[in-house]
Amino acid sequence: MDSPLSSSYPDDTWRDLPLNSPYELAEMLEPTAIVDRFTGGGLAIGQPIRVGGFSGSWSQTLFRIDGVNVTDPTGSGTPLLFPELSWWRLVRVDSGTMALDTNAPGVSFDFQPRMPTARWAREVSGSTSHFFLTGKEGDTPPAPIARLNGWDQASILASGPLVPQKLGGVFGAAFSRASEYRRAETLPVDEHALAAFAHLVATPDDENQIRAVALVQRVEYPFDQGVPFGQPQASTADTSVHLQGVWERQRPRGSLWRAIGEYTRRQRTPDFDPTTGAVLERLVDGPVGPFAFLSPAATTSWTLGAAVDQSPARRVHALVAGADLTGGSSVASPAFGGTVGELVNGAPARLWVFRSPGTTSARHKHTFAGWVGDRMTLSPTLQFEAGLRIESWSGSADRALDGVTWWSWLPRASARWSPGGAWQAVVFGGYTRTTDRLLLDYLAVGDPAASTADVYRWQNTTPVPLSSAVRGPLVARVGPGTAGDAAFSAIDSNLRQPTSDEVAVGVELRPLSKLQVRVRGFARRVQNLLALVDYGAPVETAYSVFTVQDPGGDVLNPQDDRLVSVYNRLPASFGADRYVLTNQTGDDDTATYKALEISLRFETDRFLLFGGGAAGIAEGPAGSRGFGPIENDQATIGELGANPNAVTFARGRFFTDRAFTGKLAMVVKLPSEMRLGLIARYQDGQPFARMLILTLNQGAEAVRAFANGDSRFTFVGTLDARFQKRFVFGDRTLTLLADAYNVLNLSNSVEEDVAAGPNIRLSTAVQPPRSFHVGLRVGF
């Protein structure tokens, strides 16, 4: 039984739309999906893009190819490779109520490869954007958060029989290059992606099919910390190899048997000079913690599994069962060692001196999952499914004292009722329990090969080069490594797995023969959230507390005024830190997700209109202070348990919460082999909190004046278009394409100065400006 929270996008739907990547598809078409950066018009090629939504944390987003997992096991929330859009015949997006063979407490993507054609067909395509076609900077500040400087793309796809009736193949190769300006930078940064793809399908008889996928890729994109290091042209290179096989046996009116195997490896190499040190602005660049993960690393995943589905054979009761064994590992070179200067609203705050043990770090995990269910056809109009999924997770770092072992029992139940009638109504609903996956980055805590840092107060009153920085007293010691002391950084032996309980309901209607309307809603509650707690400096004894009067989020309403608690660390506690990765406790230790989505699809021979809108709330305790994805998310391990100033108004709306979103696509088939495709998108602004900046014993600190979501950046609106004209020459075709992105050239604010006063809204970045692509597609 398909998930009631599932959407499918076949290639004949998005082929006529201005889309260049699966991330752009999610950003522009999926009503509940939120992407962590702008991808339209060729931006962010090859970059590890995070996708989340109203349904869950981006760190738990699942990516699969033909049902086989290719998600990065470290916790980046991305796949181990950058999928080229033209290789897939279908992209399926599930935002909840997952099937028994899936455990994803958030968004799940499944890419179905193109199938071989009965006769050979080839397609060559290309597009470009340079000079007057690219995005132009506005006449007045602020600068766009990103704008296109150049774009080139070329791909080839061939499909056909290798052995008639027995073996077919799809083969592809693609190259993409983009250049873009970021914010007010005067020099552009470059991105490249080069990939090759093969999909072989063998059909030895009418009952068996064997499918194999091979994918090789290399991408280069800007180094995430290039600006803090003063090296904006620095890059990161990812080289990925993916192999998978799927065997299916389907008898006429019989059970479907399936077996899978997969191996994926990615080598990530950041190319920068660590000896220069880095200086970051905490309010813009985010936390300093990720600097501990800057070393080159090789990440691998593998999967073996088998399943059976008796639904095609049984009329009343049908067994659904299966099992998967998966593994993931990360082997990283010696960790980063160097100095990072932390500015808070432009003021020198702290100097982080990272120390590397100088040894290779290896983290690994294994998962066993088994499931069994019964699909019951109780009547021609009523179906019911119930099942249980059991999972075992284990993981550790080499030479670490502690690891993680989890067992979980995950019941599922769903029903589908088709009462019929003039509108052909279908009513559906379900309950699902899922768990967060064990991420390899969690295992950095207590890893003796991971880096540590001594944090000093930065004594200079104005920013200076690190070579002239005056180091003050030691303020804190941080992990995630142990610095040779297993008691300094450890994992709780009783660590509980974050668990989600979800209920979904909906109805599907056909008021007209060509119009389909779907209304669906869901609610999810997540408990057992994780936090890295500093037991060596407890708030009760290591801090003094005072309050600051603030007018709150609504300046004109005195009822919104409040006293903001500020925590000043006592010098006697400096350096006494001791960390344990454990579960959050207290009244705000859960996250909740609620959403209502309305979607439609209207299709005639020459017109297609589809899309939807969503209203939702995603709220809970943020892992760190700030509005970015690695800060304002419930599943990130950040400051929440280690700094009480991160606890003040920690519960708010998450990064992926946009309150209201609307995405609508249209394709019109015009006379003379012409087509026009349009995508209109609206989403509410990103939630943020205004920050109070105070000078404390531990240096300058930012404290929320209210919760994230009590204020938002300006909404984002875009209108993108594709016009194409096809020429037919016998069995050959030539299609000319012209794409326009942000046709209306809107320049709404997408970031603000969060430290501005309560009566001040200062924009620091706007959405990307209008840009154009021109291209062609040749079929033969």
Foldseek 3Di string as FASTA:
>chain_A
DDDLQKDKDFCVRCVADQDWAVVSCQCFFPFFKDKQADCGPNPPPFHFIFIFGLQAALQQEFEEEVLHTQCFQQRSSGGLGGDTPVQFRMKMKGADQDDQSDFTRTIYIYGYGDAADAAKKKKKKKWKFADPQWFDFDPDDWTFQKTWHMKIKIKMWMGHAPDHPFKIKIKMKMKIKTWMDGTPDPGIEIKIKTKIKMWMWGDPDPFKIKIKIKMWMKMKGFDLQCVQLVRRHWIKMKTKIKIKMKMWGHDQLFKIKIKMKIKMKMKIATDDDLAQAGEDECQPSHDPVCLLVHFIKMKMKMKIKMWMWGVSNDAFKIKTKMKMKMKMKMKTFWTRFAWYFYHYVQWTWKIKGKDFPRHIKMKMKMKMKIKMKIWGDPDPFKIKIKMKMKMWMWMAIPPFPDTDIAIDIKIKMKMWGQPQDPFRKIKIKMKIKHFRDDHRNVRQQRGQRTMKIFMFTFPDGGDDRPVPTDTHDTAEIGGSHQPPPSQQTEEDHPQYIKMKIKMKIKMWTHNDPQKIKIKMKMKMKIAQFKEKAWPQQDQVPFWDKDWDWDCALDVVDNVRIDTFIDTFGDPVSRHRTGIYIHTDDDDQRMKMRIKMKMKMWGDDPFKIKIHIKMFMFTKGFFQFAHQRSLTFRRHHHHCVNPHVLSVTQRIDGGQNHQRMKIKMKMKGQDPQQKIKIKIKIKTHFGWHFAWEWDQHPSTIDTHGSHHTPSDGFGMDIKMKMKMKHWDDDPQKIKIKIKIKIRVVQDWGARDFNSHDGSVDTGGNHTHYGMRMMIMMMMMD
